[in-house]
């Protein structure tokens, strides 16, 4: 077994060190390293905003960051033998967190962006498996490091199809960031002008933000281009199953992975999207399924009494708004409450059958509060 490494200079942005990675998805981006199945690969990763949200970053930066640099990814890694129609199994061997993290509310971004138009920032100290912050006194978040953005590169045909469907959605009024060469890495115009932004998850995974994908998880991703072209970034120390304000506890990290190729499995089983598995707890059970919690619920009815049929998005929104109100009753400001929801509250679909009202529950683990 060989060990391959992609090390980055955390004192430089990706734009200043483009040989370590990229911030767009495109099959013509050349690999940084090559490996064979069974090799171990170590990848150092930058934070999601590529250094803009450091400890000294003021609210003026949070209010107007350069979103064109999101997300700086380390890679690609070319896995020998991986071909379209295969499944690439990515075993997460370890994730080493940084000592600093942040949670930001960027105007115009996040699930409740219409309700929270002002910038806000929480700076976290990470130590001994916990995150604490003077901006949220009395809160202690247990760590469960994972990579928010992790995946493979789409091939040329899927790249074109994805661009077309997202452009059609944009024209229908959807929230889409179309291809843009601004601050793109690589800067090669032939790639930058057509490459996909990294903001949404897609068929080859990407910005999935699944907190169970920490150490011990195995991702099963359909391969769409030779070598798979694996890349990773956007590390999170902890996150609620919602990441509602648009950020978790964001950080830099070092990832260790190992690859296995399952020949022809995606084609034979018509696997089109990410699957994943694990055989142990991603957190101690009392935090993965909190022993003490407070929960709010939401249904498919607007606050002014308009009923929508089978609308899970509206139900989730209402569950979160009700949780923010509850946290306000306990003394937190609305922006503090919004941040707590993003890093610690789990949304669960409680039922999808009792039409017209779907029901979502929001679970707040009480053990994050310390006296």
Protein backbone atom coordinates (compact mmCIF):
# COMPACT_ATOMS: atom_id res chain seq x y z
CA UNK A 1 0.00 0.00 0.00
CA UNK A 2 1.28 3.44 -0.94
CA UNK A 3 0.42 6.73 0.76
CA UNK A 4 -0.20 9.80 -1.40
CA UNK A 5 -0.49 13.34 -0.04
CA UNK A 6 -1.88 16.67 -1.18
CA UNK A 7 -0.66 19.29 1.28
CA UNK A 8 -1.77 22.92 1.12
CA UNK A 9 -0.36 26.15 2.47
CA UNK A 10 -3.11 27.41 4.77
CA UNK A 11 -1.53 30.84 4.62
CA UNK A 12 -2.49 31.06 0.95
CA UNK A 13 -5.83 30.99 -0.82
CA UNK A 14 -6.61 28.49 -3.56
CA UNK A 15 -6.24 31.31 -6.09
CA UNK A 16 -2.69 31.76 -4.78
CA UNK A 17 -1.93 28.01 -4.83
CA UNK A 18 -4.00 26.61 -7.74
CA UNK A 19 -1.89 23.49 -8.11
CA UNK A 20 -3.56 21.96 -5.03
CA UNK A 21 -7.17 22.01 -6.13
CA UNK A 22 -10.13 23.71 -7.76
CA UNK A 23 -13.44 25.41 -6.92
CA UNK A 24 -15.54 24.19 -9.85
CA UNK A 25 -16.53 20.75 -11.16
CA UNK A 26 -15.30 19.88 -14.67
CA UNK A 27 -13.97 16.62 -16.17
CA UNK A 28 -11.02 18.37 -17.86
CA UNK A 29 -9.47 19.52 -14.57
CA UNK A 30 -6.22 17.50 -14.38
CA UNK A 31 -5.62 15.25 -11.37
CA UNK A 32 -3.17 16.34 -8.68
CA UNK A 33 -2.28 12.76 -7.71
CA UNK A 34 -2.95 9.26 -9.00
CA UNK A 35 -3.44 6.16 -6.87
CA UNK A 36 -4.48 2.55 -7.16
CA UNK A 37 -7.31 1.01 -5.15
CA UNK A 38 -6.15 0.22 -1.64
CA UNK A 39 -3.76 3.15 -1.45
CA UNK A 40 -4.22 5.73 1.29
CA UNK A 41 -4.60 9.37 0.29
CA UNK A 42 -4.11 12.31 2.66
CA UNK A 43 -5.72 15.61 1.68
CA UNK A 44 -5.43 18.90 3.53
CA UNK A 45 -8.44 21.13 2.92
CA UNK A 46 -9.24 24.83 3.12
CA UNK A 47 -12.41 26.17 4.74
CA UNK A 48 -15.54 26.80 2.66
CA UNK A 49 -14.94 30.54 2.22
CA UNK A 50 -11.22 30.12 1.49
CA UNK A 51 -9.96 32.09 4.46
CA UNK A 52 -12.36 35.02 4.34
CA UNK A 53 -13.95 34.23 7.73
CA UNK A 54 -10.88 34.05 9.95
CA UNK A 55 -10.98 34.99 13.65
CA UNK A 56 -10.49 38.69 12.91
CA UNK A 57 -12.99 38.91 10.04
CA UNK A 58 -15.48 41.74 10.74
CA UNK A 59 -19.19 41.71 9.98
CA UNK A 60 -18.51 43.82 6.89
CA UNK A 61 -16.83 40.77 5.36
CA UNK A 62 -19.65 38.46 6.45
CA UNK A 63 -22.12 40.86 4.86
CA UNK A 64 -20.44 40.78 1.45
CA UNK A 65 -18.03 37.85 0.99
CA UNK A 66 -16.71 36.73 -2.37
CA UNK A 67 -19.03 33.79 -3.02
CA UNK A 68 -17.26 33.00 -6.28
CA UNK A 69 -14.47 31.23 -4.34
CA UNK A 70 -16.87 28.79 -2.62
CA UNK A 71 -15.90 25.92 -2.18
CA UNK A 72 -12.12 25.46 -2.50
CA UNK A 73 -11.61 21.72 -3.02
CA UNK A 74 -8.44 19.66 -2.72
CA UNK A 75 -7.87 17.29 -5.65
CA UNK A 76 -8.74 15.75 -8.00
CA UNK A 77 -7.45 12.28 -7.20
CA UNK A 78 -7.37 9.86 -10.14
CA UNK A 79 -8.15 6.30 -9.06
CA UNK A 80 -6.66 3.79 -11.50
CA UNK A 81 -9.25 1.39 -12.93
CA UNK A 82 -12.30 3.48 -12.07
CA UNK A 83 -14.50 3.85 -15.16
CA UNK A 84 -18.00 5.14 -15.93
CA UNK A 85 -20.53 2.57 -14.73
CA UNK A 86 -18.44 1.57 -11.71
CA UNK A 87 -19.07 2.47 -8.08
CA UNK A 88 -16.20 4.05 -6.18
CA UNK A 89 -16.22 3.19 -2.48
CA UNK A 90 -14.56 5.96 -0.44
CA UNK A 91 -13.65 4.84 3.09
CA UNK A 92 -13.22 7.73 5.54
CA UNK A 93 -10.25 6.69 7.66
CA UNK A 94 -9.79 9.87 9.68
CA UNK A 95 -10.56 13.60 9.76
CA UNK A 96 -8.27 15.83 11.81
CA UNK A 97 -9.98 19.12 12.72
CA UNK A 98 -8.45 22.56 12.96
CA UNK A 99 -8.52 24.51 16.24
CA UNK A 100 -10.69 27.34 14.89
CA UNK A 101 -14.16 27.24 13.37
CA UNK A 102 -16.90 29.67 12.47
CA UNK A 103 -20.61 29.85 11.75
CA UNK A 104 -21.78 32.77 9.64
CA UNK A 105 -25.10 34.12 8.43
CA UNK A 106 -24.52 35.71 5.03
CA UNK A 107 -27.32 38.00 3.81
CA UNK A 108 -29.26 36.43 0.95
CA UNK A 109 -28.10 32.90 1.78
CA UNK A 110 -29.52 30.16 4.01
CA UNK A 111 -32.88 28.47 4.41
CA UNK A 112 -34.49 31.39 6.26
CA UNK A 113 -32.69 34.12 4.31
CA UNK A 114 -35.88 36.20 4.01
CA UNK A 115 -36.23 36.29 7.80
CA UNK A 116 -32.56 36.94 8.62
CA UNK A 117 -31.22 39.69 6.31
CA UNK A 118 -28.39 40.86 8.60
CA UNK A 119 -24.87 39.40 8.88
CA UNK A 120 -23.88 37.44 11.98
CA UNK A 121 -20.80 35.48 13.00
CA UNK A 122 -19.93 32.96 15.69
CA UNK A 123 -16.24 32.19 16.21
CA UNK A 124 -15.57 28.76 17.74
CA UNK A 125 -12.65 27.39 19.73
CA UNK A 126 -12.15 23.70 18.96
CA UNK A 127 -10.41 21.55 21.57
CA UNK A 128 -10.70 18.10 23.15
CA UNK A 129 -13.63 17.08 20.95
CA UNK A 130 -15.80 20.13 21.69
CA UNK A 131 -16.53 23.54 20.18
CA UNK A 132 -17.22 26.53 22.44
CA UNK A 133 -17.68 30.20 21.70
CA UNK A 134 -17.83 33.49 23.58
CA UNK A 135 -20.51 34.44 21.05
CA UNK A 136 -22.78 31.67 22.41
CA UNK A 137 -21.88 31.49 26.11
CA UNK A 138 -23.06 28.36 27.85
CA UNK A 139 -23.17 26.28 24.66
CA UNK A 140 -20.82 23.34 24.07
CA UNK A 141 -21.14 21.41 20.79
CA UNK A 142 -19.77 17.84 20.60
CA UNK A 143 -17.51 17.28 17.61
CA UNK A 144 -18.31 14.91 14.78
CA UNK A 145 -15.96 16.08 11.99
CA UNK A 146 -17.00 15.39 8.41
CA UNK A 147 -16.45 16.79 4.95
CA UNK A 148 -19.35 18.90 3.74
CA UNK A 149 -18.29 18.72 0.08
CA UNK A 150 -16.95 15.39 -1.11
CA UNK A 151 -17.43 13.63 -4.40
CA UNK A 152 -16.47 12.85 -7.95
CA UNK A 153 -16.49 14.82 -11.18
CA UNK A 154 -19.34 14.43 -13.69
CA UNK A 155 -18.45 13.47 -17.24
CA UNK A 156 -18.96 15.76 -20.23
CA UNK A 157 -22.45 14.49 -21.07
CA UNK A 158 -23.76 14.85 -17.52
CA UNK A 159 -22.02 18.24 -17.22
CA UNK A 160 -24.00 19.50 -20.21
CA UNK A 161 -27.27 18.00 -18.96
CA UNK A 162 -26.78 19.48 -15.50
CA UNK A 163 -26.02 22.92 -16.91
CA UNK A 164 -29.17 22.79 -19.04
CA UNK A 165 -31.49 21.67 -16.24
CA UNK A 166 -30.13 24.24 -13.79
CA UNK A 167 -30.41 27.02 -16.36
CA UNK A 168 -34.04 26.02 -16.97
CA UNK A 169 -34.65 26.15 -13.22
CA UNK A 170 -33.02 29.58 -13.02
CA UNK A 171 -35.32 30.81 -15.79
CA UNK A 172 -38.32 29.52 -13.81
CA UNK A 173 -37.25 31.65 -10.87
CA UNK A 174 -35.21 29.07 -8.95
CA UNK A 175 -32.22 29.89 -6.73
CA UNK A 176 -29.28 28.76 -8.88
CA UNK A 177 -25.67 29.87 -9.21
CA UNK A 178 -24.88 29.31 -12.90
CA UNK A 179 -21.37 28.82 -14.31
CA UNK A 180 -19.13 31.83 -13.77
CA UNK A 181 -15.47 32.36 -14.56
CA UNK A 182 -15.12 34.96 -11.78
CA UNK A 183 -12.52 33.75 -9.24
CA UNK A 184 -12.70 30.29 -10.81
CA UNK A 185 -9.89 27.80 -10.32
CA UNK A 186 -8.65 26.62 -12.77
CA UNK A 187 -8.58 29.94 -14.61
CA UNK A 188 -8.36 28.25 -18.03
CA UNK A 189 -11.24 29.92 -19.93
CA UNK A 190 -12.23 26.68 -21.63
CA UNK A 191 -12.93 25.18 -18.20
CA UNK A 192 -13.93 28.20 -16.08
CA UNK A 193 -16.71 29.36 -18.43
CA UNK A 194 -18.58 26.04 -18.38
CA UNK A 195 -17.62 24.35 -15.10
CA UNK A 196 -20.32 23.72 -12.48
CA UNK A 197 -20.44 25.65 -9.22
CA UNK A 198 -19.91 23.56 -6.09
CA UNK A 199 -22.90 24.85 -4.10
CA UNK A 200 -25.50 22.06 -4.65
CA UNK A 201 -25.17 18.29 -4.30
CA UNK A 202 -25.55 16.34 -7.52
CA UNK A 203 -25.34 12.76 -8.82
CA UNK A 204 -21.65 12.33 -7.94
CA UNK A 205 -22.27 13.75 -4.42
CA UNK A 206 -20.54 17.12 -3.92
CA UNK A 207 -21.92 19.53 -1.32
CA UNK A 208 -24.02 16.92 0.46
CA UNK A 209 -23.53 18.23 4.04
CA UNK A 210 -24.33 14.82 5.59
CA UNK A 211 -23.03 14.80 9.14
CA UNK A 212 -22.93 11.00 9.34
CA UNK A 213 -20.06 10.94 6.80
CA UNK A 214 -17.29 11.21 9.36
CA UNK A 215 -14.61 8.72 10.33
CA UNK A 216 -15.87 5.19 9.76
CA UNK A 217 -18.27 5.98 6.92
CA UNK A 218 -17.99 4.50 3.44
CA UNK A 219 -19.38 6.51 0.53
CA UNK A 220 -20.57 4.65 -2.56
CA UNK A 221 -20.49 7.04 -5.52
CA UNK A 222 -21.34 6.26 -9.16
CA UNK A 223 -18.37 6.96 -11.44
CA UNK A 224 -19.07 9.13 -14.49
CA UNK A 225 -15.60 9.91 -15.85
CA UNK A 226 -12.36 7.89 -16.08
CA UNK A 227 -10.48 7.81 -12.78
CA UNK A 228 -13.50 9.13 -10.88
CA UNK A 229 -11.62 12.39 -10.14
CA UNK A 230 -12.27 12.59 -6.39
CA UNK A 231 -12.09 15.96 -4.61
CA UNK A 232 -12.98 17.21 -1.14
CA UNK A 233 -13.30 20.35 1.00
CA UNK A 234 -15.73 22.37 3.14
CA UNK A 235 -14.92 20.52 6.40
CA UNK A 236 -17.36 20.78 9.30
CA UNK A 237 -16.61 20.13 12.97
CA UNK A 238 -20.31 19.71 13.76
CA UNK A 239 -23.68 20.39 12.17
CA UNK A 240 -27.36 19.96 12.80
CA UNK A 241 -29.35 17.94 10.28
CA UNK A 242 -30.47 21.12 8.57
CA UNK A 243 -27.46 23.52 8.42
CA UNK A 244 -30.26 26.04 8.22
CA UNK A 245 -28.30 29.31 8.26
CA UNK A 246 -26.10 28.07 5.41
CA UNK A 247 -23.04 27.17 7.47
CA UNK A 248 -22.13 24.59 10.10
CA UNK A 249 -19.04 24.88 12.31
CA UNK A 250 -16.79 25.50 9.33
CA UNK A 251 -13.08 24.71 9.52
CA UNK A 252 -9.92 23.54 7.80
CA UNK A 253 -9.10 19.84 8.15
CA UNK A 254 -6.93 16.92 7.10
CA UNK A 255 -8.71 13.92 5.56
CA UNK A 256 -7.46 10.36 5.13
CA UNK A 257 -9.29 8.10 2.67
CA UNK A 258 -8.94 4.76 0.90
CA UNK A 259 -10.64 3.76 -2.35
CA UNK A 260 -12.15 0.54 -3.65
CA UNK A 261 -13.59 0.12 -7.16
CA UNK A 262 -16.73 -2.00 -7.65
CA UNK A 263 -16.61 -2.78 -11.34
CA UNK A 264 -19.83 -2.26 -13.29
CA UNK A 265 -21.98 -1.96 -10.17
CA UNK A 266 -23.53 1.41 -10.96
CA UNK A 267 -24.48 0.29 -14.45
CA UNK A 268 -25.78 -3.12 -13.33
CA UNK A 269 -27.89 -1.72 -10.48
CA UNK A 270 -28.78 1.62 -12.09
CA UNK A 271 -27.18 3.50 -9.20
CA UNK A 272 -27.45 7.19 -10.03
CA UNK A 273 -26.85 8.91 -6.70
CA UNK A 274 -24.72 8.74 -3.57
CA UNK A 275 -25.20 5.89 -1.12
CA UNK A 276 -23.31 5.49 2.16
CA UNK A 277 -22.90 3.07 5.02
CA UNK A 278 -21.20 2.74 8.40
CA UNK A 279 -20.96 0.14 11.16
CA UNK A 280 -20.51 2.30 14.25
CA UNK A 281 -21.98 5.40 15.86
CA UNK A 282 -21.00 8.68 14.22
CA UNK A 283 -21.43 10.30 17.65
CA UNK A 284 -21.85 8.84 21.13
CA UNK A 285 -25.47 7.60 21.24
CA UNK A 286 -26.58 10.23 23.75
CA UNK A 287 -25.76 12.90 21.16
CA UNK A 288 -26.69 10.99 18.01
CA UNK A 289 -30.12 10.32 19.53
CA UNK A 290 -30.18 12.78 22.42
CA UNK A 291 -31.39 11.45 25.76
CA UNK A 292 -32.72 14.91 26.65
CA UNK A 293 -34.26 17.13 24.01
CA UNK A 294 -36.86 19.77 23.33
CA UNK A 295 -38.72 19.52 20.03
CA UNK A 296 -40.93 21.80 18.00
CA UNK A 297 -43.03 20.86 14.98
CA UNK A 298 -44.20 22.45 11.77
CA UNK A 299 -47.00 21.66 9.32
CA UNK A 300 -47.81 22.71 5.76
CA UNK A 301 -49.66 25.88 6.78
CA UNK A 302 -48.28 29.41 6.50
CA UNK A 303 -48.22 31.72 9.50
CA UNK A 304 -51.14 33.68 8.02
CA UNK A 305 -53.25 30.54 7.71
CA UNK A 306 -52.87 29.44 4.08
CA UNK A 307 -52.83 25.65 3.71
CA UNK A 308 -50.40 24.13 1.19
CA UNK A 309 -50.78 20.54 0.10
CA UNK A 310 -48.01 18.11 1.07
CA UNK A 311 -45.33 20.81 1.37
CA UNK A 312 -42.35 19.43 3.33
CA UNK A 313 -40.34 22.61 2.78
CA UNK A 314 -43.00 24.73 4.45
CA UNK A 315 -43.31 22.25 7.31
CA UNK A 316 -39.53 22.32 7.86
CA UNK A 317 -39.52 26.09 7.77
CA UNK A 318 -42.28 26.26 10.39
CA UNK A 319 -40.54 23.74 12.66
CA UNK A 320 -37.37 25.86 12.59
CA UNK A 321 -39.18 29.16 13.11
CA UNK A 322 -40.95 27.63 16.10
CA UNK A 323 -37.60 26.43 17.49
CA UNK A 324 -36.14 29.91 17.06
CA UNK A 325 -39.09 31.30 19.00
CA UNK A 326 -38.51 28.71 21.74
CA UNK A 327 -34.83 29.61 22.02
CA UNK A 328 -35.84 33.26 22.20
CA UNK A 329 -38.01 32.43 25.19
CA UNK A 330 -34.85 31.06 26.82
CA UNK A 331 -32.94 34.33 26.36
CA UNK A 332 -31.13 33.92 23.05
CA UNK A 333 -31.28 36.58 20.37
CA UNK A 334 -32.88 35.49 17.10
CA UNK A 335 -29.54 35.37 15.30
CA UNK A 336 -27.97 33.35 18.11
CA UNK A 337 -30.94 30.98 17.95
CA UNK A 338 -30.60 30.66 14.17
CA UNK A 339 -26.92 29.73 14.60
CA UNK A 340 -27.72 27.16 17.32
CA UNK A 341 -30.27 25.56 14.99
CA UNK A 342 -27.72 25.36 12.19
CA UNK A 343 -25.04 23.60 14.24
CA UNK A 344 -27.10 21.47 16.64
CA UNK A 345 -30.81 21.08 15.75
CA UNK A 346 -31.89 17.99 13.78
CA UNK A 347 -34.86 18.17 11.44
CA UNK A 348 -36.76 14.90 11.08
CA UNK A 349 -39.62 14.15 8.74
CA UNK A 350 -42.22 12.78 11.13
CA UNK A 351 -44.83 11.90 8.52
CA UNK A 352 -45.55 12.36 4.81
CA UNK A 353 -48.89 10.58 4.48
CA UNK A 354 -51.48 12.63 6.36
CA UNK A 355 -52.46 14.93 3.52
CA UNK A 356 -52.63 17.82 3.18
CA UNK A 357 -50.29 18.50 6.12
CA UNK A 358 -46.83 17.01 6.17
CA UNK A 359 -45.14 17.27 9.58
CA UNK A 360 -41.50 17.99 10.40
CA UNK A 361 -40.05 17.95 13.91
CA UNK A 362 -37.01 19.96 15.06
CA UNK A 363 -34.99 18.33 17.87
CA UNK A 364 -32.82 20.46 20.17
CA UNK A 365 -30.36 18.39 22.29
CA UNK A 366 -30.45 19.81 25.80
CA UNK A 367 -26.99 18.50 26.68
CA UNK A 368 -25.33 21.20 24.55
CA UNK A 369 -26.20 23.71 27.28
CA UNK A 370 -23.78 23.88 30.19
CA UNK A 371 -24.00 26.00 33.32
